[in-house]
Protein backbone atom coordinates (compact mmCIF):
# COMPACT_ATOMS: atom_id res chain seq x y z
CA MET A 1 2.20 -4.47 17.95
CA GLN A 2 4.11 -1.64 19.56
CA THR A 3 1.87 1.10 20.89
CA PHE A 4 2.53 4.81 20.86
CA GLY A 5 1.48 7.55 23.22
CA TYR A 6 -1.13 9.85 21.71
CA ASN A 7 -0.14 13.50 21.73
CA ALA A 8 -2.42 16.33 22.75
CA ARG A 9 -4.73 17.23 19.90
CA HIS A 10 -3.59 20.01 17.60
CA MET A 11 -6.53 21.88 16.10
CA LEU A 12 -6.35 23.72 12.78
CA ALA A 13 -8.37 26.79 11.81
CA TYR A 14 -10.25 26.66 8.51
CA ASN A 15 -7.49 28.56 6.65
CA GLU A 16 -4.71 26.31 8.06
CA ILE A 17 -6.13 23.29 6.22
CA THR A 18 -3.56 23.48 3.43
CA THR A 19 -2.00 21.14 0.85
CA GLY A 20 0.03 18.32 2.40
CA ARG A 21 -1.57 18.47 5.85
CA VAL A 22 -3.18 15.33 7.25
CA ILE A 23 -6.42 15.95 9.14
CA VAL A 24 -8.98 13.86 11.00
CA TYR A 25 -12.25 13.85 9.04
CA ASN A 26 -15.07 11.45 9.93
CA ASN A 27 -12.68 9.92 12.50
CA GLU A 28 -10.25 8.91 9.76
CA PRO A 29 -6.99 10.43 8.48
CA TYR A 30 -7.26 12.39 5.24
CA LYS A 31 -4.46 14.12 3.34
CA VAL A 32 -5.22 17.55 1.89
CA LEU A 33 -4.56 17.36 -1.87
CA SER A 34 -5.60 20.94 -2.65
CA TYR A 35 -7.28 23.93 -1.08
CA LYS A 36 -8.64 27.32 -2.10
CA VAL A 37 -9.81 30.03 0.27
CA PHE A 38 -12.23 32.47 -1.31
CA ARG A 39 -14.97 34.88 -0.28
CA MET A 40 -18.31 35.14 -2.03
CA GLN A 41 -19.96 38.56 -2.10
CA GLN A 42 -21.29 39.60 1.32
CA SER A 43 -20.38 36.28 2.93
CA LYS A 44 -17.60 34.91 5.08
CA PRO A 45 -14.57 33.19 3.49
CA VAL A 46 -14.70 29.47 2.73
CA ASN A 47 -11.85 26.99 2.26
CA VAL A 48 -12.76 24.48 -0.47
CA THR A 49 -10.54 21.42 -0.18
CA LYS A 50 -9.93 18.10 -1.89
CA LEU A 51 -9.14 15.34 0.62
CA LYS A 52 -7.78 11.82 0.13
CA SER A 53 -8.46 9.08 2.67
CA LEU A 54 -5.25 7.41 3.84
CA LYS A 55 -7.25 4.26 4.64
CA ASN A 56 -9.00 3.55 1.35
CA GLY A 57 -7.68 6.13 -1.12
CA LYS A 58 -11.12 7.69 -1.68
CA VAL A 59 -11.04 11.37 -2.69
CA VAL A 60 -13.73 13.76 -1.43
CA GLU A 61 -14.39 17.48 -1.66
CA LYS A 62 -15.13 19.34 1.56
CA SER A 63 -15.71 23.02 2.33
CA PHE A 64 -14.57 24.45 5.67
CA HIS A 65 -16.03 27.67 7.06
CA VAL A 66 -14.57 30.32 9.36
CA SER A 67 -16.12 28.74 12.44
CA ASP A 68 -14.76 25.24 11.62
CA LYS A 69 -11.79 23.72 13.38
CA VAL A 70 -10.33 20.32 12.55
CA GLU A 71 -7.88 18.07 14.30
CA GLU A 72 -4.48 17.55 12.69
CA ALA A 73 -3.86 13.80 12.50
CA GLU A 74 -1.01 12.42 14.58
CA LEU A 75 0.67 9.84 12.38
CA GLU A 76 3.39 7.53 13.65
CA LYS A 77 5.95 5.49 11.72
CA GLN A 78 7.27 2.11 12.78
CA PRO A 79 10.00 0.03 11.09
CA ILE A 80 8.71 -3.35 9.90
CA VAL A 81 10.24 -6.20 7.87
CA TYR A 82 8.45 -7.88 4.96
CA ILE A 83 8.26 -11.71 5.01
CA TYR A 84 5.90 -12.96 2.27
CA GLU A 85 2.48 -12.56 0.62
CA SER A 86 -0.29 -15.13 0.87
CA LYS A 87 -3.95 -14.98 -0.19
CA GLY A 88 -4.10 -11.19 -0.40
CA ASP A 89 -2.27 -10.54 2.87
CA CYS A 90 1.34 -9.42 3.28
CA MET A 91 3.07 -10.81 6.37
CA PHE A 92 5.46 -8.56 8.26
CA HIS A 93 7.26 -8.64 11.58
CA GLU A 94 8.41 -5.81 13.80
CA ALA A 95 11.99 -4.77 13.08
CA GLY A 96 14.28 -6.54 15.54
CA ASN A 97 11.48 -8.85 16.71
CA PRO A 98 10.90 -11.68 14.16
CA GLY A 99 8.38 -13.34 16.49
CA ALA A 100 5.98 -10.38 16.37
CA ARG A 101 4.31 -11.20 13.06
CA PHE A 102 1.19 -9.57 11.67
CA PRO A 103 -0.65 -9.36 8.33
CA VAL A 104 -1.38 -6.23 6.32
CA SER A 105 -3.88 -6.36 3.45
CA ALA A 106 -2.20 -6.11 0.05
CA GLU A 107 -5.14 -3.92 -1.00
CA LEU A 108 -4.22 -1.44 1.74
CA ILE A 109 -0.61 -1.28 0.54
CA GLY A 110 -1.65 -0.81 -3.08
CA PRO A 111 0.14 -1.51 -6.37
CA GLY A 112 3.57 -1.21 -4.74
CA THR A 113 2.94 -4.60 -3.09
CA LYS A 114 4.54 -6.46 -5.99
CA PHE A 115 7.84 -4.66 -5.39
CA LEU A 116 8.14 -5.66 -1.71
CA ASN A 117 11.36 -7.60 -1.16
CA PRO A 118 11.49 -10.34 1.53
CA LYS A 119 13.73 -9.50 4.51
CA SER A 120 13.74 -5.82 3.52
CA GLU A 121 12.73 -3.13 6.00
CA TYR A 122 9.91 -0.66 5.34
CA GLU A 123 7.93 1.81 7.44
CA ALA A 124 4.38 1.23 8.62
CA LEU A 125 2.20 4.33 8.87
CA LEU A 126 -0.01 4.26 11.98
CA PHE A 127 -3.03 6.28 13.06
CA ASN A 128 -4.32 5.64 16.59
CA ASP A 129 -2.10 2.50 16.71
CA GLU A 130 -3.75 1.08 13.57
CA ILE A 131 -1.68 0.48 10.44
CA ILE A 132 -3.16 2.55 7.62
CA GLY A 133 -0.39 2.01 5.08
CA VAL A 134 3.14 0.87 4.32
CA LEU A 135 5.60 3.40 2.94
CA ILE A 136 7.39 2.00 -0.11
CA PRO A 137 10.19 4.02 -1.76
CA ILE A 138 8.97 5.60 -5.01
CA LYS A 139 12.11 4.32 -6.76
CA MET A 140 13.61 0.91 -6.00
CA GLN A 141 16.59 -0.98 -7.41
CA LEU A 142 15.84 -4.64 -8.12
CA ARG A 143 17.63 -7.51 -9.85
CA VAL A 144 16.29 -8.99 -13.08
CA THR A 145 15.78 -12.76 -12.61
CA GLU A 146 14.26 -13.59 -16.00
CA ALA A 147 14.76 -11.87 -19.35
CA GLU A 148 14.42 -13.14 -22.89
CA PRO A 149 17.58 -12.46 -24.91
CA ALA A 150 17.20 -9.63 -27.41
CA VAL A 151 16.37 -10.95 -30.87
CA LYS A 152 19.15 -10.13 -33.34
CA GLY A 153 18.03 -7.65 -35.93
CA ASN A 154 15.24 -6.27 -33.72
CA THR A 155 16.47 -2.72 -33.32
CA ALA A 156 13.13 -0.95 -33.57
CA GLN A 157 13.24 2.40 -31.82
CA GLY A 158 11.50 2.17 -28.46
CA ALA A 159 11.05 -1.62 -28.66
CA THR A 160 10.55 -3.25 -25.25
CA LYS A 161 10.31 -6.68 -23.66
CA THR A 162 8.86 -8.08 -20.45
CA VAL A 163 11.32 -9.05 -17.70
CA THR A 164 10.76 -10.56 -14.26
CA LEU A 165 12.29 -8.98 -11.15
CA GLU A 166 13.49 -10.65 -7.95
CA THR A 167 10.18 -9.84 -6.25
CA GLY A 168 8.21 -11.64 -8.96
CA ALA A 169 6.96 -8.39 -10.50
CA THR A 170 7.13 -8.01 -14.28
CA VAL A 171 8.00 -4.75 -16.04
CA GLN A 172 8.55 -3.56 -19.59
CA THR A 173 12.21 -2.68 -20.27
CA PRO A 174 14.38 -1.82 -23.27
CA LEU A 175 15.70 -4.80 -25.26
CA PHE A 176 19.25 -4.46 -23.87
CA ILE A 177 18.23 -5.45 -20.31
CA ASN A 178 19.49 -8.93 -19.41
CA GLU A 179 19.08 -11.44 -16.59
CA GLY A 180 21.21 -10.38 -13.61
CA ASP A 181 21.05 -6.65 -14.39
CA ILE A 182 19.99 -4.27 -11.62
CA VAL A 183 17.25 -1.92 -12.77
CA GLU A 184 15.44 0.99 -11.15
CA VAL A 185 11.64 1.01 -11.22
CA ASN A 186 9.00 3.51 -10.17
CA THR A 187 6.83 1.65 -7.64
CA GLU A 188 3.90 4.05 -8.10
CA THR A 189 3.61 3.62 -11.88
CA GLY A 190 5.26 0.19 -12.18
CA ALA A 191 7.49 1.59 -14.92
CA TYR A 192 11.18 0.90 -15.62
CA THR A 193 13.28 4.06 -15.22
CA SER A 194 16.92 3.05 -15.79
CA ARG A 195 19.57 0.33 -15.65
CA VAL A 196 21.74 0.71 -12.56
CA SER A 197 24.32 -2.00 -13.33
CA LYS A 198 24.96 -4.73 -15.86
CA SER A 199 25.23 -8.40 -14.96
């Protein structure tokens, strides 16, 4: 695995811990989901935050006081190519180096795993040279490989059917979607969003 130089630590004051920042908390990277700085009567201000672990997705609440300083996490991105999934692990190789293979837990990647396309390039998110996630586009265009033909006479408003995509994932689509069509799906919700092109 390619290694990266670690930059000098950047420390944040309590009131700089704001939405979208990634901080080091308990030696792990956490993303700040929300924050609120307020002052109780006759006391110093406090920043009440909601943090999400980038390693396991756990959400915690944490209050930071005026005297607190936290380290801003240095995250790196590295291009990787998806190969296949086996027994709960997704195999990748470094972009441009097919021999440098390594597994990433499907659980770490999350529900977007089923939309990974072999030979496609993605970005690994690294913290201290350890992969903590794989960035998957929120919207992806994929080919439909299996779709039951629409039943004549079934024109119910909002009726859907299950189709299979080229990655093996199944999604609910409108009845007019056919095998060979290219559809756009939301990889976070697993929902069909639109038809891009007809077969």
